[in-house]
Amino acid sequence: MSSPVIIQVAAEPSGTLRGKAAVGAYWAKALELIPDLHFELISVLVGVTSITLYYKGTQGRVAAEVFHFGARQMVSRAFAHYDV
């Protein structure tokens, strides 16, 4: 999972986490920091082996998250993008 927010929340300078445990710990900490976190879905874009969720976040920021699926149809990579 790659996201600019990972740099702040997980203190990972690369902005990338690997593995379920690391991603789970990141989300646990993010939910502690922002307990009212919610998303307003704008659109779902479908690719061949990926989807993109286009949404507004808690602070009204527009974002897109791209999820790539592997052979077992599980998320193998995820990328978050935010407006600047």
PDB file of N, CA and C in Angstrom:
ATOM      1  N   MET A   1       0.849  -1.165   0.000  1.00  0.00           N
ATOM      2  CA  MET A   1       0.000   0.000   0.000  1.00  0.00           C
ATOM      3  C   MET A   1       0.892   1.225   0.000  1.00  0.00           C
ATOM      4  N   SER A   2       0.597   2.175  -0.894  1.00  0.00           N
ATOM      5  CA  SER A   2       1.354   3.421  -0.965  1.00  0.00           C
ATOM      6  C   SER A   2       0.406   4.598  -0.815  1.00  0.00           C
ATOM      7  N   SER A   3       0.793   5.542   0.032  1.00  0.00           N
ATOM      8  CA  SER A   3      -0.016   6.725   0.277  1.00  0.00           C
ATOM      9  C   SER A   3       0.847   7.808   0.905  1.00  0.00           C
ATOM     10  N   PRO A   4       0.627   9.067   0.527  1.00  0.00           N
ATOM     11  CA  PRO A   4       1.341  10.147   1.195  1.00  0.00           C
ATOM     12  C   PRO A   4       1.025  10.220   2.688  1.00  0.00           C
ATOM     13  N   VAL A   5      -0.153   9.760   3.091  1.00  0.00           N
ATOM     14  CA  VAL A   5      -0.547   9.801   4.501  1.00  0.00           C
ATOM     15  C   VAL A   5       0.264   8.803   5.323  1.00  0.00           C
ATOM     16  N   ILE A   6       0.729   7.734   4.708  1.00  0.00           N
ATOM     17  CA  ILE A   6       1.563   6.756   5.404  1.00  0.00           C
ATOM     18  C   ILE A   6       2.822   7.416   5.953  1.00  0.00           C
ATOM     19  N   ILE A   7       3.350   8.369   5.231  1.00  0.00           N
ATOM     20  CA  ILE A   7       4.552   9.081   5.683  1.00  0.00           C
ATOM     21  C   ILE A   7       4.303   9.724   7.036  1.00  0.00           C
ATOM     22  N   GLN A   8       3.129  10.328   7.209  1.00  0.00           N
ATOM     23  CA  GLN A   8       2.803  11.012   8.466  1.00  0.00           C
ATOM     24  C   GLN A   8       2.364  10.035   9.554  1.00  0.00           C
ATOM     25  N   VAL A   9       1.408   9.173   9.241  1.00  0.00           N
ATOM     26  CA  VAL A   9       0.799   8.315  10.256  1.00  0.00           C
ATOM     27  C   VAL A   9       1.733   7.198  10.706  1.00  0.00           C
ATOM     28  N   ALA A  10       2.395   6.537   9.762  1.00  0.00           N
ATOM     29  CA  ALA A  10       3.250   5.402  10.097  1.00  0.00           C
ATOM     30  C   ALA A  10       4.728   5.780  10.195  1.00  0.00           C
ATOM     31  N   ALA A  11       5.040   7.048   9.959  1.00  0.00           N
ATOM     32  CA  ALA A  11       6.428   7.512   9.989  1.00  0.00           C
ATOM     33  C   ALA A  11       7.319   6.679   9.071  1.00  0.00           C
ATOM     34  N   GLU A  12       6.768   6.299   7.923  1.00  0.00           N
ATOM     35  CA  GLU A  12       7.517   5.528   6.920  1.00  0.00           C
ATOM     36  C   GLU A  12       7.855   6.473   5.776  1.00  0.00           C
ATOM     37  N   PRO A  13       9.117   6.906   5.667  1.00  0.00           N
ATOM     38  CA  PRO A  13       9.497   7.922   4.686  1.00  0.00           C
ATOM     39  C   PRO A  13       9.217   7.562   3.230  1.00  0.00           C
ATOM     40  N   SER A  14       9.166   6.267   2.915  1.00  0.00           N
ATOM     41  CA  SER A  14       8.898   5.871   1.529  1.00  0.00           C
ATOM     42  C   SER A  14       7.429   6.015   1.160  1.00  0.00           C
ATOM     43  N   GLY A  15       6.557   6.073   2.173  1.00  0.00           N
ATOM     44  CA  GLY A  15       5.123   6.154   1.914  1.00  0.00           C
ATOM     45  C   GLY A  15       4.525   4.822   1.498  1.00  0.00           C
ATOM     46  N   THR A  16       5.282   3.742   1.652  1.00  0.00           N
ATOM     47  CA  THR A  16       4.820   2.417   1.214  1.00  0.00           C
ATOM     48  C   THR A  16       4.931   1.415   2.363  1.00  0.00           C
ATOM     49  N   LEU A  17       3.877   0.618   2.530  1.00  0.00           N
ATOM     50  CA  LEU A  17       3.860  -0.473   3.505  1.00  0.00           C
ATOM     51  C   LEU A  17       3.693  -1.783   2.754  1.00  0.00           C
ATOM     52  N   ARG A  18       4.267  -2.854   3.325  1.00  0.00           N
ATOM     53  CA  ARG A  18       4.137  -4.184   2.719  1.00  0.00           C
ATOM     54  C   ARG A  18       3.604  -5.154   3.756  1.00  0.00           C
ATOM     55  N   GLY A  19       2.629  -5.954   3.349  1.00  0.00           N
ATOM     56  CA  GLY A  19       2.086  -6.996   4.209  1.00  0.00           C
ATOM     57  C   GLY A  19       0.855  -6.566   4.983  1.00  0.00           C
ATOM     58  N   LYS A  20       0.022  -7.568   5.281  1.00  0.00           N
ATOM     59  CA  LYS A  20      -1.236  -7.316   5.991  1.00  0.00           C
ATOM     60  C   LYS A  20      -1.010  -6.710   7.369  1.00  0.00           C
ATOM     61  N   ALA A  21      -0.001  -7.203   8.091  1.00  0.00           N
ATOM     62  CA  ALA A  21       0.243  -6.717   9.451  1.00  0.00           C
ATOM     63  C   ALA A  21       0.582  -5.227   9.449  1.00  0.00           C
ATOM     64  N   ALA A  22       1.453  -4.806   8.544  1.00  0.00           N
ATOM     65  CA  ALA A  22       1.848  -3.392   8.471  1.00  0.00           C
ATOM     66  C   ALA A  22       0.673  -2.504   8.076  1.00  0.00           C
ATOM     67  N   VAL A  23      -0.114  -2.959   7.104  1.00  0.00           N
ATOM     68  CA  VAL A  23      -1.272  -2.175   6.661  1.00  0.00           C
ATOM     69  C   VAL A  23      -2.327  -2.129   7.769  1.00  0.00           C
ATOM     70  N   GLY A  24      -2.530  -3.246   8.455  1.00  0.00           N
ATOM     71  CA  GLY A  24      -3.486  -3.280   9.565  1.00  0.00           C
ATOM     72  C   GLY A  24      -3.089  -2.339  10.693  1.00  0.00           C
ATOM     73  N   ALA A  25      -1.813  -2.328  11.041  1.00  0.00           N
ATOM     74  CA  ALA A  25      -1.320  -1.427  12.096  1.00  0.00           C
ATOM     75  C   ALA A  25      -1.495   0.032  11.676  1.00  0.00           C
ATOM     76  N   TYR A  26      -1.244   0.322  10.414  1.00  0.00           N
ATOM     77  CA  TYR A  26      -1.429   1.683   9.886  1.00  0.00           C
ATOM     78  C   TYR A  26      -2.883   2.123  10.045  1.00  0.00           C
ATOM     79  N   TRP A  27      -3.824   1.285   9.618  1.00  0.00           N
ATOM     80  CA  TRP A  27      -5.242   1.659   9.715  1.00  0.00           C
ATOM     81  C   TRP A  27      -5.699   1.762  11.163  1.00  0.00           C
ATOM     82  N   ALA A  28      -5.195   0.912  12.047  1.00  0.00           N
ATOM     83  CA  ALA A  28      -5.548   1.002  13.464  1.00  0.00           C
ATOM     84  C   ALA A  28      -5.119   2.356  14.028  1.00  0.00           C
ATOM     85  N   LYS A  29      -3.904   2.777  13.698  1.00  0.00           N
ATOM     86  CA  LYS A  29      -3.406   4.067  14.185  1.00  0.00           C
ATOM     87  C   LYS A  29      -4.174   5.219  13.548  1.00  0.00           C
ATOM     88  N   ALA A  30      -4.451   5.126  12.238  1.00  0.00           N
ATOM     89  CA  ALA A  30      -5.196   6.186  11.551  1.00  0.00           C
ATOM     90  C   ALA A  30      -6.582   6.360  12.161  1.00  0.00           C
ATOM     91  N   LEU A  31      -7.245   5.257  12.495  1.00  0.00           N
ATOM     92  CA  LEU A  31      -8.583   5.344  13.088  1.00  0.00           C
ATOM     93  C   LEU A  31      -8.537   5.889  14.506  1.00  0.00           C
ATOM     94  N   GLU A  32      -7.440   5.665  15.225  1.00  0.00           N
ATOM     95  CA  GLU A  32      -7.266   6.295  16.540  1.00  0.00           C
ATOM     96  C   GLU A  32      -7.112   7.803  16.395  1.00  0.00           C
ATOM     97  N   LEU A  33      -6.337   8.234  15.410  1.00  0.00           N
ATOM     98  CA  LEU A  33      -6.075   9.658  15.193  1.00  0.00           C
ATOM     99  C   LEU A  33      -7.284  10.396  14.635  1.00  0.00           C
ATOM    100  N   ILE A  34      -8.080   9.716  13.813  1.00  0.00           N
ATOM    101  CA  ILE A  34      -9.244  10.341  13.168  1.00  0.00           C
ATOM    102  C   ILE A  34     -10.458   9.434  13.405  1.00  0.00           C
ATOM    103  N   PRO A  35     -11.032   9.455  14.614  1.00  0.00           N
ATOM    104  CA  PRO A  35     -12.117   8.523  14.931  1.00  0.00           C
ATOM    105  C   PRO A  35     -13.395   8.753  14.112  1.00  0.00           C
ATOM    106  N   ASP A  36     -13.578   9.957  13.588  1.00  0.00           N
ATOM    107  CA  ASP A  36     -14.777  10.237  12.789  1.00  0.00           C
ATOM    108  C   ASP A  36     -14.521  10.078  11.291  1.00  0.00           C
ATOM    109  N   LEU A  37     -13.486   9.324  10.941  1.00  0.00           N
ATOM    110  CA  LEU A  37     -13.123   9.120   9.543  1.00  0.00           C
ATOM    111  C   LEU A  37     -14.296   8.530   8.764  1.00  0.00           C
ATOM    112  N   HIS A  38     -14.625   9.169   7.662  1.00  0.00           N
ATOM    113  CA  HIS A  38     -15.671   8.642   6.787  1.00  0.00           C
ATOM    114  C   HIS A  38     -15.380   9.069   5.356  1.00  0.00           C
ATOM    115  N   PHE A  39     -15.998   8.384   4.429  1.00  0.00           N
ATOM    116  CA  PHE A  39     -15.769   8.639   3.016  1.00  0.00           C
ATOM    117  C   PHE A  39     -17.107   8.777   2.299  1.00  0.00           C
ATOM    118  N   GLU A  40     -17.149   9.673   1.330  1.00  0.00           N
ATOM    119  CA  GLU A  40     -18.330   9.840   0.484  1.00  0.00           C
ATOM    120  C   GLU A  40     -17.942   9.395  -0.924  1.00  0.00           C
ATOM    121  N   LEU A  41     -18.451   8.252  -1.324  1.00  0.00           N
ATOM    122  CA  LEU A  41     -18.113   7.695  -2.621  1.00  0.00           C
ATOM    123  C   LEU A  41     -18.686   8.552  -3.746  1.00  0.00           C
ATOM    124  N   ILE A  42     -17.832   8.914  -4.689  1.00  0.00           N
ATOM    125  CA  ILE A  42     -18.246   9.677  -5.859  1.00  0.00           C
ATOM    126  C   ILE A  42     -18.446   8.735  -7.034  1.00  0.00           C
ATOM    127  N   SER A  43     -17.479   7.834  -7.245  1.00  0.00           N
ATOM    128  CA  SER A  43     -17.560   6.936  -8.396  1.00  0.00           C
ATOM    129  C   SER A  43     -16.627   5.750  -8.204  1.00  0.00           C
ATOM    130  N   VAL A  44     -16.981   4.638  -8.856  1.00  0.00           N
ATOM    131  CA  VAL A  44     -16.122   3.459  -8.917  1.00  0.00           C
ATOM    132  C   VAL A  44     -15.755   3.261 -10.379  1.00  0.00           C
ATOM    133  N   LEU A  45     -14.467   3.200 -10.660  1.00  0.00           N
ATOM    134  CA  LEU A  45     -13.969   2.990 -12.021  1.00  0.00           C
ATOM    135  C   LEU A  45     -13.397   1.584 -12.093  1.00  0.00           C
ATOM    136  N   VAL A  46     -13.812   0.822 -13.095  1.00  0.00           N
ATOM    137  CA  VAL A  46     -13.445  -0.585 -13.184  1.00  0.00           C
ATOM    138  C   VAL A  46     -12.455  -0.812 -14.315  1.00  0.00           C
ATOM    139  N   GLY A  47     -11.363  -1.505 -14.000  1.00  0.00           N
ATOM    140  CA  GLY A  47     -10.376  -1.904 -15.002  1.00  0.00           C
ATOM    141  C   GLY A  47     -10.421  -3.409 -15.198  1.00  0.00           C
ATOM    142  N   VAL A  48      -9.409  -3.962 -15.854  1.00  0.00           N
ATOM    143  CA  VAL A  48      -9.361  -5.407 -16.097  1.00  0.00           C
ATOM    144  C   VAL A  48      -9.011  -6.153 -14.817  1.00  0.00           C
ATOM    145  N   THR A  49      -7.933  -5.758 -14.154  1.00  0.00           N
ATOM    146  CA  THR A  49      -7.528  -6.392 -12.897  1.00  0.00           C
ATOM    147  C   THR A  49      -7.368  -5.351 -11.793  1.00  0.00           C
ATOM    148  N   SER A  50      -8.138  -4.266 -11.872  1.00  0.00           N
ATOM    149  CA  SER A  50      -8.047  -3.219 -10.870  1.00  0.00           C
ATOM    150  C   SER A  50      -9.358  -2.439 -10.805  1.00  0.00           C
ATOM    151  N   ILE A  51      -9.529  -1.734  -9.698  1.00  0.00           N
ATOM    152  CA  ILE A  51     -10.622  -0.766  -9.562  1.00  0.00           C
ATOM    153  C   ILE A  51     -10.050   0.509  -8.968  1.00  0.00           C
ATOM    154  N   THR A  52     -10.721   1.622  -9.220  1.00  0.00           N
ATOM    155  CA  THR A  52     -10.364   2.902  -8.617  1.00  0.00           C
ATOM    156  C   THR A  52     -11.598   3.440  -7.905  1.00  0.00           C
ATOM    157  N   LEU A  53     -11.432   3.775  -6.639  1.00  0.00           N
ATOM    158  CA  LEU A  53     -12.495   4.410  -5.878  1.00  0.00           C
ATOM    159  C   LEU A  53     -12.197   5.896  -5.828  1.00  0.00           C
ATOM    160  N   TYR A  54     -13.134   6.686  -6.294  1.00  0.00           N
ATOM    161  CA  TYR A  54     -13.010   8.143  -6.313  1.00  0.00           C
ATOM    162  C   TYR A  54     -13.967   8.653  -5.248  1.00  0.00           C
ATOM    163  N   TYR A  55     -13.461   9.425  -4.276  1.00  0.00           N
ATOM    164  CA  TYR A  55     -14.287   9.791  -3.130  1.00  0.00           C
ATOM    165  C   TYR A  55     -13.852  11.095  -2.489  1.00  0.00           C
ATOM    166  N   LYS A  56     -14.692  11.574  -1.564  1.00  0.00           N
ATOM    167  CA  LYS A  56     -14.349  12.700  -0.694  1.00  0.00           C
ATOM    168  C   LYS A  56     -14.122  12.132   0.693  1.00  0.00           C
ATOM    169  N   GLY A  57     -13.055  12.612   1.330  1.00  0.00           N
ATOM    170  CA  GLY A  57     -12.724  12.161   2.675  1.00  0.00           C
ATOM    171  C   GLY A  57     -13.331  13.054   3.738  1.00  0.00           C
ATOM    172  N   THR A  58     -12.976  12.791   4.973  1.00  0.00           N
ATOM    173  CA  THR A  58     -13.514  13.486   6.141  1.00  0.00           C
ATOM    174  C   THR A  58     -13.363  14.997   6.050  1.00  0.00           C
ATOM    175  N   GLN A  59     -12.247  15.476   5.583  1.00  0.00           N
ATOM    176  CA  GLN A  59     -12.002  16.918   5.528  1.00  0.00           C
ATOM    177  C   GLN A  59     -12.380  17.511   4.174  1.00  0.00           C
ATOM    178  N   GLY A  60     -13.162  16.786   3.383  1.00  0.00           N
ATOM    179  CA  GLY A  60     -13.600  17.281   2.089  1.00  0.00           C
ATOM    180  C   GLY A  60     -12.580  17.157   0.986  1.00  0.00           C
ATOM    181  N   ARG A  61     -11.459  16.519   1.273  1.00  0.00           N
ATOM    182  CA  ARG A  61     -10.427  16.318   0.243  1.00  0.00           C
ATOM    183  C   ARG A  61     -10.884  15.258  -0.747  1.00  0.00           C
ATOM    184  N   VAL A  62     -10.685  15.545  -2.022  1.00  0.00           N
ATOM    185  CA  VAL A  62     -10.985  14.568  -3.056  1.00  0.00           C
ATOM    186  C   VAL A  62      -9.804  13.611  -3.160  1.00  0.00           C
ATOM    187  N   ALA A  63     -10.112  12.321  -3.316  1.00  0.00           N
ATOM    188  CA  ALA A  63      -9.063  11.307  -3.379  1.00  0.00           C
ATOM    189  C   ALA A  63      -9.464  10.200  -4.346  1.00  0.00           C
ATOM    190  N   ALA A  64      -8.470   9.450  -4.773  1.00  0.00           N
ATOM    191  CA  ALA A  64      -8.691   8.256  -5.583  1.00  0.00           C
ATOM    192  C   ALA A  64      -7.764   7.174  -5.055  1.00  0.00           C
ATOM    193  N   GLU A  65      -8.309   5.995  -4.866  1.00  0.00           N
ATOM    194  CA  GLU A  65      -7.491   4.859  -4.457  1.00  0.00           C
ATOM    195  C   GLU A  65      -7.617   3.782  -5.518  1.00  0.00           C
ATOM    196  N   VAL A  66      -6.463   3.279  -5.950  1.00  0.00           N
ATOM    197  CA  VAL A  66      -6.407   2.262  -6.993  1.00  0.00           C
ATOM    198  C   VAL A  66      -6.007   0.945  -6.337  1.00  0.00           C
ATOM    199  N   PHE A  67      -6.799  -0.090  -6.582  1.00  0.00           N
ATOM    200  CA  PHE A  67      -6.547  -1.412  -6.030  1.00  0.00           C
ATOM    201  C   PHE A  67      -6.292  -2.393  -7.173  1.00  0.00           C
ATOM    202  N   HIS A  68      -5.127  -3.039  -7.148  1.00  0.00           N
ATOM    203  CA  HIS A  68      -4.775  -4.053  -8.144  1.00  0.00           C
ATOM    204  C   HIS A  68      -5.014  -5.429  -7.519  1.00  0.00           C
ATOM    205  N   PHE A  69      -5.584  -6.336  -8.298  1.00  0.00           N
ATOM    206  CA  PHE A  69      -5.904  -7.672  -7.814  1.00  0.00           C
ATOM    207  C   PHE A  69      -4.967  -8.704  -8.418  1.00  0.00           C
ATOM    208  N   GLY A  70      -4.550  -9.658  -7.580  1.00  0.00           N
ATOM    209  CA  GLY A  70      -3.659 -10.724  -8.023  1.00  0.00           C
ATOM    210  C   GLY A  70      -4.431 -11.929  -8.520  1.00  0.00           C
ATOM    211  N   ALA A  71      -3.715 -13.027  -8.688  1.00  0.00           N
ATOM    212  CA  ALA A  71      -4.266 -14.256  -9.265  1.00  0.00           C
ATOM    213  C   ALA A  71      -5.438 -14.807  -8.452  1.00  0.00           C
ATOM    214  N   ARG A  72      -5.408 -14.661  -7.146  1.00  0.00           N
ATOM    215  CA  ARG A  72      -6.502 -15.178  -6.303  1.00  0.00           C
ATOM    216  C   ARG A  72      -7.592 -14.131  -6.075  1.00  0.00           C
ATOM    217  N   GLN A  73      -7.595 -13.094  -6.873  1.00  0.00           N
ATOM    218  CA  GLN A  73      -8.570 -12.002  -6.817  1.00  0.00           C
ATOM    219  C   GLN A  73      -8.573 -11.296  -5.467  1.00  0.00           C
ATOM    220  N   MET A  74      -7.395 -11.229  -4.862  1.00  0.00           N
ATOM    221  CA  MET A  74      -7.211 -10.469  -3.633  1.00  0.00           C
ATOM    222  C   MET A  74      -6.361  -9.259  -3.964  1.00  0.00           C
ATOM    223  N   VAL A  75      -6.508  -8.194  -3.196  1.00  0.00           N
ATOM    224  CA  VAL A  75      -5.730  -6.981  -3.444  1.00  0.00           C
ATOM    225  C   VAL A  75      -4.246  -7.297  -3.265  1.00  0.00           C
ATOM    226  N   SER A  76      -3.474  -7.007  -4.297  1.00  0.00           N
ATOM    227  CA  SER A  76      -2.033  -7.241  -4.231  1.00  0.00           C
ATOM    228  C   SER A  76      -1.264  -5.934  -4.085  1.00  0.00           C
ATOM    229  N   ARG A  77      -1.843  -4.835  -4.557  1.00  0.00           N
ATOM    230  CA  ARG A  77      -1.221  -3.510  -4.441  1.00  0.00           C
ATOM    231  C   ARG A  77      -2.329  -2.470  -4.329  1.00  0.00           C
ATOM    232  N   ALA A  78      -2.059  -1.418  -3.587  1.00  0.00           N
ATOM    233  CA  ALA A  78      -3.028  -0.327  -3.441  1.00  0.00           C
ATOM    234  C   ALA A  78      -2.271   0.997  -3.421  1.00  0.00           C
ATOM    235  N   PHE A  79      -2.848   1.984  -4.090  1.00  0.00           N
ATOM    236  CA  PHE A  79      -2.217   3.309  -4.190  1.00  0.00           C
ATOM    237  C   PHE A  79      -3.261   4.375  -3.903  1.00  0.00           C
ATOM    238  N   ALA A  80      -2.961   5.290  -2.989  1.00  0.00           N
ATOM    239  CA  ALA A  80      -3.867   6.393  -2.672  1.00  0.00           C
ATOM    240  C   ALA A  80      -3.317   7.686  -3.247  1.00  0.00           C
ATOM    241  N   HIS A  81      -4.214   8.479  -3.810  1.00  0.00           N
ATOM    242  CA  HIS A  81      -3.856   9.759  -4.407  1.00  0.00           C
ATOM    243  C   HIS A  81      -4.802  10.831  -3.883  1.00  0.00           C
ATOM    244  N   TYR A  82      -4.241  12.010  -3.543  1.00  0.00           N
ATOM    245  CA  TYR A  82      -5.041  13.079  -2.940  1.00  0.00           C
ATOM    246  C   TYR A  82      -4.856  14.377  -3.721  1.00  0.00           C
ATOM    247  N   ASP A  83      -5.913  15.212  -3.686  1.00  0.00           N
ATOM    248  CA  ASP A  83      -5.767  16.523  -4.315  1.00  0.00           C
ATOM    249  C   ASP A  83      -4.791  17.361  -3.492  1.00  0.00           C
ATOM    250  N   VAL A  84      -4.185  18.309  -4.127  1.00  0.00           N
ATOM    251  CA  VAL A  84      -3.182  19.143  -3.436  1.00  0.00           C
ATOM    252  C   VAL A  84      -3.646  20.568  -3.296  1.00  0.00           C
TER     253      VAL A  84
END
